[in-house]
N, C-alpha and C. Protein backbone atom coordinates (compact mmCIF):
# COMPACT_ATOMS: atom_id res chain seq x y z
N MET A 1 -1.66 -201.55 -97.27
CA MET A 1 -1.43 -200.13 -97.57
C MET A 1 -2.50 -199.63 -98.56
N GLU A 2 -3.14 -198.53 -98.22
CA GLU A 2 -4.14 -197.96 -99.12
C GLU A 2 -3.43 -197.15 -100.21
N PHE A 3 -3.94 -197.26 -101.42
CA PHE A 3 -3.38 -196.49 -102.52
C PHE A 3 -4.40 -195.46 -103.00
N THR A 4 -3.92 -194.50 -103.75
CA THR A 4 -4.76 -193.49 -104.38
C THR A 4 -4.78 -193.75 -105.87
N ARG A 5 -5.96 -193.83 -106.45
CA ARG A 5 -6.08 -193.98 -107.89
C ARG A 5 -6.16 -192.60 -108.52
N ILE A 6 -5.39 -192.40 -109.56
CA ILE A 6 -5.32 -191.10 -110.22
C ILE A 6 -5.70 -191.23 -111.68
N LEU A 7 -6.64 -190.39 -112.12
CA LEU A 7 -6.96 -190.24 -113.54
C LEU A 7 -6.34 -188.91 -113.96
N ALA A 8 -5.26 -189.00 -114.73
CA ALA A 8 -4.52 -187.80 -115.12
C ALA A 8 -4.81 -187.47 -116.58
N LEU A 9 -5.14 -186.22 -116.84
CA LEU A 9 -5.48 -185.80 -118.20
C LEU A 9 -4.69 -184.55 -118.57
N ARG A 10 -4.31 -184.49 -119.84
CA ARG A 10 -3.81 -183.24 -120.41
C ARG A 10 -5.03 -182.40 -120.79
N HIS A 11 -4.88 -181.09 -120.72
CA HIS A 11 -5.96 -180.17 -121.11
C HIS A 11 -6.39 -180.39 -122.56
N GLY A 12 -7.54 -179.85 -122.91
CA GLY A 12 -7.99 -179.87 -124.29
C GLY A 12 -7.15 -178.95 -125.17
N GLU A 13 -7.43 -179.01 -126.45
CA GLU A 13 -6.61 -178.28 -127.43
C GLU A 13 -6.77 -176.77 -127.33
N THR A 14 -5.70 -176.06 -127.68
CA THR A 14 -5.72 -174.60 -127.82
C THR A 14 -5.28 -174.24 -129.24
N THR A 15 -5.50 -173.00 -129.61
CA THR A 15 -5.03 -172.54 -130.91
C THR A 15 -3.52 -172.64 -131.02
N TRP A 16 -2.83 -172.40 -129.92
CA TRP A 16 -1.37 -172.50 -129.94
C TRP A 16 -0.91 -173.95 -130.11
N ASN A 17 -1.67 -174.92 -129.62
CA ASN A 17 -1.35 -176.32 -129.92
C ASN A 17 -1.38 -176.55 -131.42
N GLN A 18 -2.40 -176.04 -132.08
CA GLN A 18 -2.54 -176.20 -133.52
C GLN A 18 -1.36 -175.56 -134.26
N ASP A 19 -0.91 -174.41 -133.75
CA ASP A 19 0.18 -173.67 -134.39
C ASP A 19 1.56 -174.18 -134.01
N LYS A 20 1.61 -175.19 -133.11
CA LYS A 20 2.89 -175.70 -132.60
C LYS A 20 3.71 -174.57 -131.94
N ARG A 21 2.99 -173.72 -131.22
CA ARG A 21 3.62 -172.60 -130.53
C ARG A 21 3.75 -172.95 -129.04
N LEU A 22 4.91 -172.71 -128.47
CA LEU A 22 5.19 -173.11 -127.10
C LEU A 22 4.44 -172.23 -126.10
N GLN A 23 3.58 -172.84 -125.33
CA GLN A 23 2.78 -172.10 -124.37
C GLN A 23 3.48 -171.97 -123.02
N GLY A 24 4.06 -173.07 -122.54
CA GLY A 24 4.69 -173.02 -121.23
C GLY A 24 3.70 -172.55 -120.18
N GLN A 25 4.08 -171.53 -119.44
CA GLN A 25 3.21 -171.00 -118.40
C GLN A 25 2.44 -169.76 -118.84
N LEU A 26 2.43 -169.47 -120.14
CA LEU A 26 1.54 -168.42 -120.65
C LEU A 26 0.11 -168.95 -120.60
N ASP A 27 -0.84 -168.05 -120.37
CA ASP A 27 -2.21 -168.48 -120.05
C ASP A 27 -3.09 -168.43 -121.29
N ILE A 28 -3.09 -169.52 -122.04
CA ILE A 28 -3.82 -169.61 -123.30
C ILE A 28 -5.08 -170.45 -123.09
N PRO A 29 -6.26 -169.96 -123.51
CA PRO A 29 -7.51 -170.70 -123.29
C PRO A 29 -7.72 -171.81 -124.32
N LEU A 30 -8.69 -172.66 -124.05
CA LEU A 30 -9.09 -173.69 -125.00
C LEU A 30 -9.69 -173.07 -126.25
N ASN A 31 -9.51 -173.75 -127.37
CA ASN A 31 -10.25 -173.37 -128.58
C ASN A 31 -11.55 -174.19 -128.63
N GLU A 32 -12.29 -174.05 -129.72
CA GLU A 32 -13.58 -174.74 -129.82
C GLU A 32 -13.41 -176.26 -129.72
N ARG A 33 -12.42 -176.78 -130.41
CA ARG A 33 -12.15 -178.21 -130.36
C ARG A 33 -11.76 -178.65 -128.95
N GLY A 34 -11.00 -177.80 -128.26
CA GLY A 34 -10.60 -178.11 -126.89
C GLY A 34 -11.78 -178.20 -125.95
N HIS A 35 -12.75 -177.30 -126.11
CA HIS A 35 -13.96 -177.37 -125.28
C HIS A 35 -14.74 -178.65 -125.58
N TRP A 36 -14.78 -179.04 -126.86
CA TRP A 36 -15.45 -180.30 -127.22
C TRP A 36 -14.73 -181.49 -126.57
N GLN A 37 -13.41 -181.49 -126.61
CA GLN A 37 -12.65 -182.56 -125.99
C GLN A 37 -12.92 -182.63 -124.48
N ALA A 38 -12.96 -181.46 -123.85
CA ALA A 38 -13.23 -181.42 -122.41
C ALA A 38 -14.61 -181.99 -122.09
N ALA A 39 -15.59 -181.67 -122.92
CA ALA A 39 -16.94 -182.19 -122.71
C ALA A 39 -16.98 -183.70 -122.90
N ARG A 40 -16.23 -184.20 -123.87
CA ARG A 40 -16.17 -185.65 -124.10
C ARG A 40 -15.50 -186.37 -122.94
N ALA A 41 -14.44 -185.78 -122.41
CA ALA A 41 -13.78 -186.37 -121.25
C ALA A 41 -14.70 -186.38 -120.04
N ALA A 42 -15.45 -185.30 -119.86
CA ALA A 42 -16.40 -185.23 -118.76
C ALA A 42 -17.46 -186.32 -118.88
N ALA A 43 -17.96 -186.54 -120.08
CA ALA A 43 -18.97 -187.58 -120.28
C ALA A 43 -18.38 -188.97 -120.00
N ALA A 44 -17.12 -189.17 -120.38
CA ALA A 44 -16.48 -190.47 -120.17
C ALA A 44 -16.25 -190.76 -118.69
N LEU A 45 -16.09 -189.72 -117.89
CA LEU A 45 -15.79 -189.90 -116.47
C LEU A 45 -17.02 -189.75 -115.57
N ARG A 46 -18.17 -189.48 -116.16
CA ARG A 46 -19.37 -189.15 -115.39
C ARG A 46 -19.76 -190.23 -114.38
N GLU A 47 -19.55 -191.49 -114.74
CA GLU A 47 -19.96 -192.59 -113.86
C GLU A 47 -18.83 -193.11 -112.97
N GLU A 48 -17.66 -192.52 -113.07
CA GLU A 48 -16.53 -192.95 -112.25
C GLU A 48 -16.70 -192.47 -110.80
N PRO A 49 -16.28 -193.28 -109.81
CA PRO A 49 -16.31 -192.82 -108.41
C PRO A 49 -15.12 -191.92 -108.14
N ILE A 50 -15.33 -190.62 -108.19
CA ILE A 50 -14.24 -189.65 -108.08
C ILE A 50 -14.48 -188.75 -106.87
N ALA A 51 -13.45 -188.64 -106.04
CA ALA A 51 -13.57 -187.88 -104.80
C ALA A 51 -13.23 -186.41 -104.96
N ALA A 52 -12.36 -186.08 -105.93
CA ALA A 52 -11.92 -184.69 -106.08
C ALA A 52 -11.34 -184.49 -107.47
N VAL A 53 -11.41 -183.24 -107.94
CA VAL A 53 -10.84 -182.86 -109.22
C VAL A 53 -9.83 -181.74 -108.98
N TYR A 54 -8.59 -182.00 -109.37
CA TYR A 54 -7.51 -181.01 -109.23
C TYR A 54 -7.08 -180.52 -110.61
N SER A 55 -6.57 -179.28 -110.65
CA SER A 55 -6.16 -178.71 -111.93
C SER A 55 -5.02 -177.72 -111.74
N SER A 56 -4.19 -177.63 -112.75
CA SER A 56 -3.32 -176.47 -112.90
C SER A 56 -4.17 -175.22 -112.90
N ASP A 57 -3.58 -174.10 -112.47
CA ASP A 57 -4.35 -172.85 -112.45
C ASP A 57 -4.29 -172.11 -113.78
N LEU A 58 -3.64 -172.67 -114.80
CA LEU A 58 -3.65 -172.06 -116.12
C LEU A 58 -4.98 -172.37 -116.82
N ALA A 59 -5.47 -171.41 -117.61
CA ALA A 59 -6.85 -171.46 -118.12
C ALA A 59 -7.16 -172.73 -118.89
N ARG A 60 -6.25 -173.18 -119.75
CA ARG A 60 -6.56 -174.32 -120.61
C ARG A 60 -6.79 -175.60 -119.80
N ALA A 61 -6.05 -175.76 -118.70
CA ALA A 61 -6.28 -176.91 -117.83
C ALA A 61 -7.51 -176.70 -116.96
N HIS A 62 -7.66 -175.49 -116.43
CA HIS A 62 -8.78 -175.22 -115.54
C HIS A 62 -10.11 -175.32 -116.26
N GLN A 63 -10.18 -174.87 -117.50
CA GLN A 63 -11.42 -174.99 -118.28
C GLN A 63 -11.76 -176.46 -118.53
N THR A 64 -10.75 -177.27 -118.80
CA THR A 64 -10.97 -178.70 -118.99
C THR A 64 -11.46 -179.34 -117.70
N ALA A 65 -10.83 -178.99 -116.60
CA ALA A 65 -11.21 -179.55 -115.29
C ALA A 65 -12.60 -179.12 -114.88
N ARG A 66 -12.99 -177.90 -115.21
CA ARG A 66 -14.32 -177.41 -114.85
C ARG A 66 -15.41 -178.24 -115.52
N ALA A 67 -15.19 -178.60 -116.77
CA ALA A 67 -16.17 -179.44 -117.47
C ALA A 67 -16.32 -180.79 -116.78
N ILE A 68 -15.19 -181.38 -116.40
CA ILE A 68 -15.22 -182.68 -115.72
C ILE A 68 -15.87 -182.55 -114.34
N ALA A 69 -15.48 -181.54 -113.59
CA ALA A 69 -16.02 -181.36 -112.24
C ALA A 69 -17.53 -181.11 -112.28
N ALA A 70 -18.00 -180.35 -113.27
CA ALA A 70 -19.43 -180.07 -113.36
C ALA A 70 -20.22 -181.35 -113.58
N ALA A 71 -19.68 -182.26 -114.39
CA ALA A 71 -20.36 -183.53 -114.64
C ALA A 71 -20.43 -184.40 -113.39
N LEU A 72 -19.53 -184.15 -112.45
CA LEU A 72 -19.47 -184.95 -111.22
C LEU A 72 -20.03 -184.22 -110.01
N ALA A 73 -20.56 -183.00 -110.24
CA ALA A 73 -21.08 -182.16 -109.15
C ALA A 73 -19.99 -181.90 -108.10
N LEU A 74 -18.77 -181.61 -108.58
CA LEU A 74 -17.65 -181.29 -107.70
C LEU A 74 -17.10 -179.92 -108.05
N GLU A 75 -16.27 -179.38 -107.17
CA GLU A 75 -15.55 -178.13 -107.43
C GLU A 75 -14.13 -178.46 -107.88
N VAL A 76 -13.53 -177.57 -108.65
CA VAL A 76 -12.14 -177.75 -109.06
C VAL A 76 -11.22 -177.18 -107.99
N ARG A 77 -10.22 -177.96 -107.62
CA ARG A 77 -9.19 -177.50 -106.69
C ARG A 77 -7.94 -177.17 -107.50
N THR A 78 -7.54 -175.91 -107.54
CA THR A 78 -6.39 -175.51 -108.35
C THR A 78 -5.09 -175.65 -107.56
N HIS A 79 -4.03 -175.92 -108.29
CA HIS A 79 -2.70 -176.09 -107.68
C HIS A 79 -1.67 -175.60 -108.69
N SER A 80 -0.91 -174.57 -108.32
CA SER A 80 0.08 -174.01 -109.25
C SER A 80 1.21 -174.99 -109.53
N GLY A 81 1.41 -175.98 -108.66
CA GLY A 81 2.44 -176.98 -108.89
C GLY A 81 2.15 -177.88 -110.08
N LEU A 82 0.93 -177.82 -110.61
CA LEU A 82 0.55 -178.62 -111.78
C LEU A 82 0.75 -177.86 -113.09
N ARG A 83 1.31 -176.65 -113.01
CA ARG A 83 1.54 -175.88 -114.24
C ARG A 83 2.52 -176.58 -115.18
N GLU A 84 2.41 -176.21 -116.46
CA GLU A 84 3.36 -176.69 -117.45
C GLU A 84 4.78 -176.24 -117.07
N ARG A 85 5.77 -176.92 -117.61
CA ARG A 85 7.15 -176.48 -117.46
C ARG A 85 7.28 -175.04 -117.93
N HIS A 86 8.07 -174.25 -117.19
CA HIS A 86 8.31 -172.87 -117.61
C HIS A 86 9.34 -172.90 -118.73
N PHE A 87 8.94 -172.41 -119.90
CA PHE A 87 9.82 -172.47 -121.08
C PHE A 87 10.67 -171.21 -121.24
N GLY A 88 10.60 -170.30 -120.28
CA GLY A 88 11.45 -169.12 -120.32
C GLY A 88 11.35 -168.36 -121.63
N ALA A 89 12.51 -168.06 -122.21
CA ALA A 89 12.56 -167.26 -123.43
C ALA A 89 11.95 -167.97 -124.63
N PHE A 90 11.70 -169.28 -124.52
CA PHE A 90 11.07 -170.02 -125.62
C PHE A 90 9.57 -169.81 -125.68
N GLN A 91 8.96 -169.32 -124.62
CA GLN A 91 7.50 -169.20 -124.57
C GLN A 91 7.00 -168.23 -125.64
N GLY A 92 5.96 -168.64 -126.35
CA GLY A 92 5.38 -167.82 -127.41
C GLY A 92 6.00 -168.04 -128.77
N LYS A 93 7.08 -168.84 -128.85
CA LYS A 93 7.76 -169.08 -130.11
C LYS A 93 7.31 -170.42 -130.71
N THR A 94 7.44 -170.55 -132.02
CA THR A 94 7.25 -171.85 -132.67
C THR A 94 8.60 -172.54 -132.80
N TRP A 95 8.58 -173.86 -133.02
CA TRP A 95 9.83 -174.58 -133.21
C TRP A 95 10.57 -174.07 -134.44
N THR A 96 9.84 -173.71 -135.48
CA THR A 96 10.47 -173.19 -136.70
C THR A 96 11.25 -171.92 -136.39
N GLU A 97 10.65 -171.04 -135.63
CA GLU A 97 11.33 -169.79 -135.25
C GLU A 97 12.56 -170.08 -134.40
N LEU A 98 12.43 -170.98 -133.44
CA LEU A 98 13.54 -171.27 -132.53
C LEU A 98 14.71 -171.92 -133.25
N GLU A 99 14.43 -172.80 -134.20
CA GLU A 99 15.51 -173.48 -134.91
C GLU A 99 16.34 -172.50 -135.74
N VAL A 100 15.73 -171.38 -136.14
CA VAL A 100 16.46 -170.34 -136.88
C VAL A 100 17.18 -169.41 -135.91
N GLU A 101 16.47 -169.00 -134.85
CA GLU A 101 17.01 -167.99 -133.94
C GLU A 101 18.00 -168.54 -132.93
N GLU A 102 17.76 -169.74 -132.42
CA GLU A 102 18.59 -170.31 -131.36
C GLU A 102 18.82 -171.81 -131.59
N PRO A 103 19.56 -172.15 -132.65
CA PRO A 103 19.70 -173.57 -133.00
C PRO A 103 20.37 -174.41 -131.90
N GLU A 104 21.38 -173.88 -131.22
CA GLU A 104 22.07 -174.68 -130.19
C GLU A 104 21.16 -174.93 -129.00
N ALA A 105 20.48 -173.89 -128.56
CA ALA A 105 19.56 -174.04 -127.43
C ALA A 105 18.41 -174.97 -127.79
N THR A 106 17.93 -174.87 -129.02
CA THR A 106 16.84 -175.74 -129.46
C THR A 106 17.29 -177.20 -129.48
N GLN A 107 18.52 -177.44 -129.90
CA GLN A 107 19.05 -178.80 -129.90
C GLN A 107 19.17 -179.34 -128.48
N ALA A 108 19.60 -178.50 -127.55
CA ALA A 108 19.69 -178.93 -126.14
C ALA A 108 18.32 -179.28 -125.60
N TRP A 109 17.32 -178.52 -125.99
CA TRP A 109 15.95 -178.81 -125.56
C TRP A 109 15.46 -180.12 -126.17
N ARG A 110 15.65 -180.29 -127.46
CA ARG A 110 15.13 -181.47 -128.15
C ARG A 110 15.82 -182.75 -127.68
N THR A 111 17.07 -182.67 -127.28
CA THR A 111 17.79 -183.85 -126.79
C THR A 111 17.63 -184.03 -125.29
N ARG A 112 16.82 -183.19 -124.67
CA ARG A 112 16.43 -183.34 -123.27
C ARG A 112 17.64 -183.32 -122.32
N VAL A 113 18.49 -182.34 -122.51
CA VAL A 113 19.62 -182.15 -121.59
C VAL A 113 19.03 -181.81 -120.22
N PRO A 114 19.28 -182.62 -119.19
CA PRO A 114 18.55 -182.48 -117.91
C PRO A 114 18.71 -181.14 -117.22
N ASP A 115 19.91 -180.53 -117.32
CA ASP A 115 20.13 -179.28 -116.59
C ASP A 115 20.05 -178.04 -117.49
N PHE A 116 19.51 -178.22 -118.70
CA PHE A 116 19.34 -177.08 -119.60
C PHE A 116 17.99 -176.41 -119.38
N ALA A 117 17.99 -175.07 -119.43
CA ALA A 117 16.74 -174.31 -119.42
C ALA A 117 16.92 -173.08 -120.30
N PRO A 118 15.90 -172.74 -121.10
CA PRO A 118 15.95 -171.46 -121.81
C PRO A 118 16.01 -170.32 -120.78
N GLY A 119 16.47 -169.17 -121.19
CA GLY A 119 16.60 -168.06 -120.26
C GLY A 119 15.35 -167.82 -119.44
N GLY A 120 15.47 -167.87 -118.12
CA GLY A 120 14.33 -167.66 -117.23
C GLY A 120 13.43 -168.85 -117.08
N GLY A 121 13.80 -169.97 -117.69
CA GLY A 121 12.93 -171.15 -117.68
C GLY A 121 13.33 -172.17 -116.63
N GLU A 122 12.78 -173.38 -116.79
CA GLU A 122 12.88 -174.45 -115.82
C GLU A 122 13.60 -175.64 -116.45
N THR A 123 14.55 -176.24 -115.75
CA THR A 123 15.22 -177.43 -116.25
C THR A 123 14.33 -178.65 -116.06
N LEU A 124 14.67 -179.74 -116.75
CA LEU A 124 13.94 -180.99 -116.55
C LEU A 124 14.13 -181.51 -115.13
N LEU A 125 15.30 -181.31 -114.56
CA LEU A 125 15.54 -181.72 -113.17
C LEU A 125 14.61 -180.97 -112.22
N GLN A 126 14.46 -179.68 -112.44
CA GLN A 126 13.56 -178.89 -111.60
C GLN A 126 12.11 -179.29 -111.80
N LEU A 127 11.75 -179.57 -113.06
CA LEU A 127 10.38 -179.99 -113.35
C LEU A 127 10.07 -181.31 -112.66
N ARG A 128 10.99 -182.27 -112.75
CA ARG A 128 10.75 -183.57 -112.11
C ARG A 128 10.55 -183.41 -110.60
N GLU A 129 11.38 -182.60 -109.98
CA GLU A 129 11.25 -182.38 -108.53
C GLU A 129 9.89 -181.77 -108.19
N ARG A 130 9.47 -180.79 -108.99
CA ARG A 130 8.20 -180.11 -108.73
C ARG A 130 7.01 -181.06 -108.92
N ILE A 131 7.01 -181.81 -110.01
CA ILE A 131 5.87 -182.68 -110.31
C ILE A 131 5.79 -183.83 -109.30
N GLU A 132 6.91 -184.41 -108.95
CA GLU A 132 6.89 -185.50 -107.97
C GLU A 132 6.35 -185.01 -106.63
N ALA A 133 6.82 -183.85 -106.18
CA ALA A 133 6.35 -183.31 -104.90
C ALA A 133 4.86 -182.96 -104.96
N THR A 134 4.41 -182.39 -106.09
CA THR A 134 3.01 -182.00 -106.22
C THR A 134 2.09 -183.21 -106.24
N PHE A 135 2.41 -184.22 -107.03
CA PHE A 135 1.58 -185.43 -107.07
C PHE A 135 1.59 -186.15 -105.73
N ASP A 136 2.75 -186.21 -105.08
CA ASP A 136 2.80 -186.83 -103.75
C ASP A 136 1.89 -186.10 -102.78
N GLY A 137 1.96 -184.79 -102.78
CA GLY A 137 1.17 -184.00 -101.84
C GLY A 137 -0.32 -184.14 -102.06
N ILE A 138 -0.74 -184.12 -103.34
CA ILE A 138 -2.17 -184.24 -103.65
C ILE A 138 -2.66 -185.65 -103.34
N ALA A 139 -1.95 -186.65 -103.84
CA ALA A 139 -2.42 -188.03 -103.69
C ALA A 139 -2.47 -188.46 -102.23
N ALA A 140 -1.56 -187.96 -101.41
CA ALA A 140 -1.53 -188.35 -100.00
C ALA A 140 -2.77 -187.90 -99.24
N ARG A 141 -3.49 -186.95 -99.80
CA ARG A 141 -4.74 -186.47 -99.16
C ARG A 141 -5.91 -187.42 -99.41
N HIS A 142 -5.75 -188.39 -100.32
CA HIS A 142 -6.89 -189.20 -100.76
C HIS A 142 -6.62 -190.70 -100.72
N PRO A 143 -6.14 -191.22 -99.59
CA PRO A 143 -5.91 -192.68 -99.53
C PRO A 143 -7.22 -193.44 -99.72
N GLY A 144 -7.19 -194.47 -100.56
CA GLY A 144 -8.37 -195.28 -100.80
C GLY A 144 -9.38 -194.65 -101.73
N GLU A 145 -9.07 -193.50 -102.31
CA GLU A 145 -10.00 -192.80 -103.19
C GLU A 145 -9.43 -192.67 -104.60
N GLN A 146 -10.29 -192.23 -105.50
CA GLN A 146 -9.89 -191.94 -106.87
C GLN A 146 -10.07 -190.45 -107.14
N ILE A 147 -9.06 -189.84 -107.77
CA ILE A 147 -9.11 -188.42 -108.05
C ILE A 147 -8.76 -188.16 -109.52
N VAL A 148 -9.15 -186.98 -109.99
CA VAL A 148 -8.78 -186.51 -111.32
C VAL A 148 -7.76 -185.40 -111.17
N ILE A 149 -6.72 -185.44 -112.01
CA ILE A 149 -5.74 -184.36 -112.07
C ILE A 149 -5.62 -183.92 -113.53
N VAL A 150 -5.89 -182.63 -113.79
CA VAL A 150 -5.79 -182.09 -115.14
C VAL A 150 -4.57 -181.17 -115.20
N ALA A 151 -3.68 -181.46 -116.13
CA ALA A 151 -2.44 -180.69 -116.21
C ALA A 151 -2.04 -180.49 -117.67
N HIS A 152 -0.76 -180.68 -117.99
CA HIS A 152 -0.21 -180.29 -119.28
C HIS A 152 0.67 -181.38 -119.86
N GLY A 153 1.01 -181.24 -121.14
CA GLY A 153 1.78 -182.26 -121.82
C GLY A 153 3.11 -182.57 -121.17
N GLY A 154 3.88 -181.53 -120.84
CA GLY A 154 5.17 -181.74 -120.21
C GLY A 154 5.04 -182.36 -118.83
N VAL A 155 3.98 -182.00 -118.12
CA VAL A 155 3.72 -182.57 -116.80
C VAL A 155 3.44 -184.07 -116.92
N LEU A 156 2.56 -184.43 -117.86
CA LEU A 156 2.20 -185.84 -118.00
C LEU A 156 3.34 -186.67 -118.56
N ASP A 157 4.18 -186.07 -119.40
CA ASP A 157 5.38 -186.77 -119.84
C ASP A 157 6.25 -187.13 -118.63
N MET A 158 6.39 -186.19 -117.70
CA MET A 158 7.19 -186.44 -116.50
C MET A 158 6.52 -187.47 -115.59
N VAL A 159 5.20 -187.43 -115.48
CA VAL A 159 4.47 -188.40 -114.68
C VAL A 159 4.70 -189.81 -115.22
N TYR A 160 4.67 -189.96 -116.53
CA TYR A 160 4.92 -191.27 -117.14
C TYR A 160 6.32 -191.77 -116.78
N ARG A 161 7.30 -190.89 -116.83
CA ARG A 161 8.67 -191.26 -116.49
C ARG A 161 8.78 -191.64 -115.02
N LEU A 162 8.13 -190.89 -114.15
CA LEU A 162 8.15 -191.21 -112.72
C LEU A 162 7.51 -192.58 -112.45
N ALA A 163 6.41 -192.85 -113.16
CA ALA A 163 5.67 -194.09 -112.92
C ALA A 163 6.38 -195.32 -113.49
N THR A 164 7.23 -195.12 -114.49
CA THR A 164 7.88 -196.26 -115.15
C THR A 164 9.37 -196.34 -114.87
N GLY A 165 9.92 -195.34 -114.21
CA GLY A 165 11.34 -195.35 -113.90
C GLY A 165 12.24 -194.98 -115.07
N LEU A 166 11.68 -194.41 -116.12
CA LEU A 166 12.48 -194.01 -117.27
C LEU A 166 13.29 -192.75 -116.98
N GLU A 167 14.49 -192.70 -117.53
CA GLU A 167 15.36 -191.54 -117.34
C GLU A 167 14.82 -190.32 -118.08
N LEU A 168 15.29 -189.15 -117.66
CA LEU A 168 14.84 -187.91 -118.27
C LEU A 168 15.16 -187.84 -119.76
N GLN A 169 16.28 -188.42 -120.17
CA GLN A 169 16.68 -188.32 -121.57
C GLN A 169 16.22 -189.50 -122.42
N ALA A 170 15.48 -190.42 -121.84
CA ALA A 170 14.99 -191.57 -122.61
C ALA A 170 14.05 -191.08 -123.72
N PRO A 171 14.22 -191.57 -124.94
CA PRO A 171 13.31 -191.17 -126.03
C PRO A 171 11.87 -191.53 -125.69
N ARG A 172 10.95 -190.68 -126.05
CA ARG A 172 9.55 -190.95 -125.76
C ARG A 172 8.99 -191.92 -126.77
N THR A 173 8.35 -192.97 -126.27
CA THR A 173 7.67 -193.96 -127.11
C THR A 173 6.18 -194.02 -126.79
N TRP A 174 5.69 -193.05 -126.01
CA TRP A 174 4.28 -193.02 -125.61
C TRP A 174 3.69 -191.68 -126.05
N THR A 175 2.38 -191.62 -126.14
CA THR A 175 1.72 -190.39 -126.56
C THR A 175 1.21 -189.63 -125.34
N VAL A 176 1.03 -188.32 -125.53
CA VAL A 176 0.42 -187.46 -124.51
C VAL A 176 -0.62 -186.62 -125.22
N GLU A 177 -1.80 -187.17 -125.38
CA GLU A 177 -2.83 -186.55 -126.21
C GLU A 177 -3.72 -185.61 -125.41
N ASN A 178 -4.22 -184.60 -126.08
CA ASN A 178 -5.18 -183.70 -125.44
C ASN A 178 -6.40 -184.47 -124.97
N ALA A 179 -6.71 -184.36 -123.68
CA ALA A 179 -7.94 -184.90 -123.06
C ALA A 179 -8.02 -186.42 -123.05
N ALA A 180 -6.91 -187.12 -123.33
CA ALA A 180 -6.90 -188.57 -123.14
C ALA A 180 -6.83 -188.88 -121.63
N ILE A 181 -7.28 -190.07 -121.25
CA ILE A 181 -7.34 -190.47 -119.85
C ILE A 181 -6.20 -191.43 -119.55
N ASN A 182 -5.42 -191.09 -118.53
CA ASN A 182 -4.27 -191.89 -118.11
C ASN A 182 -4.48 -192.32 -116.67
N ARG A 183 -4.31 -193.62 -116.40
CA ARG A 183 -4.63 -194.17 -115.08
C ARG A 183 -3.36 -194.60 -114.35
N LEU A 184 -3.25 -194.13 -113.09
CA LEU A 184 -2.09 -194.44 -112.27
C LEU A 184 -2.52 -194.82 -110.86
N LEU A 185 -1.63 -195.49 -110.15
CA LEU A 185 -1.79 -195.75 -108.73
C LEU A 185 -0.67 -195.03 -107.99
N TRP A 186 -1.00 -194.49 -106.82
CA TRP A 186 0.02 -193.83 -105.99
C TRP A 186 0.02 -194.45 -104.60
N THR A 187 1.20 -194.72 -104.09
CA THR A 187 1.43 -195.06 -102.68
C THR A 187 2.58 -194.17 -102.21
N PRO A 188 2.88 -194.15 -100.91
CA PRO A 188 4.03 -193.35 -100.46
C PRO A 188 5.35 -193.73 -101.14
N GLU A 189 5.41 -194.91 -101.75
CA GLU A 189 6.62 -195.31 -102.48
C GLU A 189 6.67 -194.69 -103.88
N GLY A 190 5.56 -194.10 -104.33
CA GLY A 190 5.56 -193.45 -105.63
C GLY A 190 4.42 -193.88 -106.53
N LEU A 191 4.57 -193.54 -107.82
CA LEU A 191 3.54 -193.80 -108.82
C LEU A 191 3.81 -195.10 -109.56
N SER A 192 2.73 -195.75 -110.01
CA SER A 192 2.84 -196.87 -110.93
C SER A 192 1.76 -196.72 -111.99
N LEU A 193 2.03 -197.30 -113.15
CA LEU A 193 1.16 -197.12 -114.31
C LEU A 193 0.13 -198.23 -114.39
N VAL A 194 -1.13 -197.85 -114.64
CA VAL A 194 -2.22 -198.81 -114.81
C VAL A 194 -2.66 -198.85 -116.28
N GLY A 195 -2.88 -197.68 -116.86
CA GLY A 195 -3.29 -197.58 -118.26
C GLY A 195 -2.96 -196.21 -118.79
N TRP A 196 -2.66 -196.13 -120.08
CA TRP A 196 -2.19 -194.85 -120.62
C TRP A 196 -2.86 -194.54 -121.95
N ALA A 197 -3.18 -193.25 -122.12
CA ALA A 197 -3.62 -192.68 -123.41
C ALA A 197 -4.92 -193.29 -123.92
N ASP A 198 -5.90 -193.46 -123.05
CA ASP A 198 -7.22 -193.89 -123.49
C ASP A 198 -7.92 -192.69 -124.11
N ALA A 199 -8.03 -192.72 -125.42
CA ALA A 199 -8.68 -191.64 -126.16
C ALA A 199 -9.92 -192.14 -126.89
N SER A 200 -10.49 -193.25 -126.45
CA SER A 200 -11.64 -193.83 -127.14
C SER A 200 -12.83 -192.88 -127.15
N HIS A 201 -12.93 -192.03 -126.13
CA HIS A 201 -14.03 -191.07 -126.06
C HIS A 201 -13.85 -189.92 -127.05
N LEU A 202 -12.68 -189.82 -127.66
CA LEU A 202 -12.38 -188.72 -128.58
C LEU A 202 -12.40 -189.16 -130.03
N GLU A 203 -12.67 -190.45 -130.27
CA GLU A 203 -12.65 -191.00 -131.63
C GLU A 203 -11.29 -190.72 -132.26
N ASP A 204 -11.24 -190.06 -133.43
CA ASP A 204 -9.95 -189.78 -134.08
C ASP A 204 -9.45 -188.38 -133.77
N ASP A 205 -10.04 -187.72 -132.78
CA ASP A 205 -9.71 -186.32 -132.50
C ASP A 205 -8.57 -186.28 -131.50
N SER A 206 -7.32 -186.20 -131.98
CA SER A 206 -6.19 -186.18 -131.07
C SER A 206 -5.03 -185.40 -131.66
N ASP A 207 -4.15 -184.95 -130.76
CA ASP A 207 -2.94 -184.21 -131.18
C ASP A 207 -1.90 -184.43 -130.11
N ASP A 208 -0.77 -184.99 -130.48
CA ASP A 208 0.28 -185.31 -129.51
C ASP A 208 1.44 -184.35 -129.67
N ASP A 209 1.35 -183.20 -129.03
CA ASP A 209 2.48 -182.26 -129.01
C ASP A 209 2.71 -181.90 -127.57
N ALA A 210 3.43 -182.75 -126.85
CA ALA A 210 3.54 -182.63 -125.40
C ALA A 210 4.40 -181.48 -124.96
N SER A 211 5.11 -180.83 -125.86
CA SER A 211 6.00 -179.76 -125.44
C SER A 211 5.25 -178.48 -125.13
N THR A 212 3.94 -178.44 -125.42
CA THR A 212 3.20 -177.22 -125.20
C THR A 212 2.10 -177.41 -124.18
């Protein structure tokens, strides 16, 4: 059986990452540090045999993917299924604001209640279904090849859970850093983990706030 190798990356940093402000599906661009991270990731992947580069259509992911694709002389293929979880009424707020304004809802979010969603948002159950279907669909196009997928913290958190069989409410013991390189294998049976959170190309430049 041929497998697809996947290099999955979270986008580079944004100003809202620094502010711990929930971005969700709001379209926030990279900041200066984020562009630097994207360039470093591109340099790290320049010699890899990569058949295609896929990205969320949100600016912060697409800008990161463009840097990588340019280094490989490839085009970016956008896919809305790679977007961050929709945070509904939480989008644009900081955790400090939410803990004052909506303490019960914030507690449900922090404890990862699977069927909870802020008003107009997406549950973890819905997110898992979307991400699994999106990764399956993309990876199935590239048997025997290696591809890059650039997405978001919440997306990569879910990918890790899918690849390791961890439950939605399991406490996170892994990092989801901006522009770190995560390696997976895909077959029709699903994802498996090869390597996670390689940030050697970023030196000490990292931030693990996967909720945004």
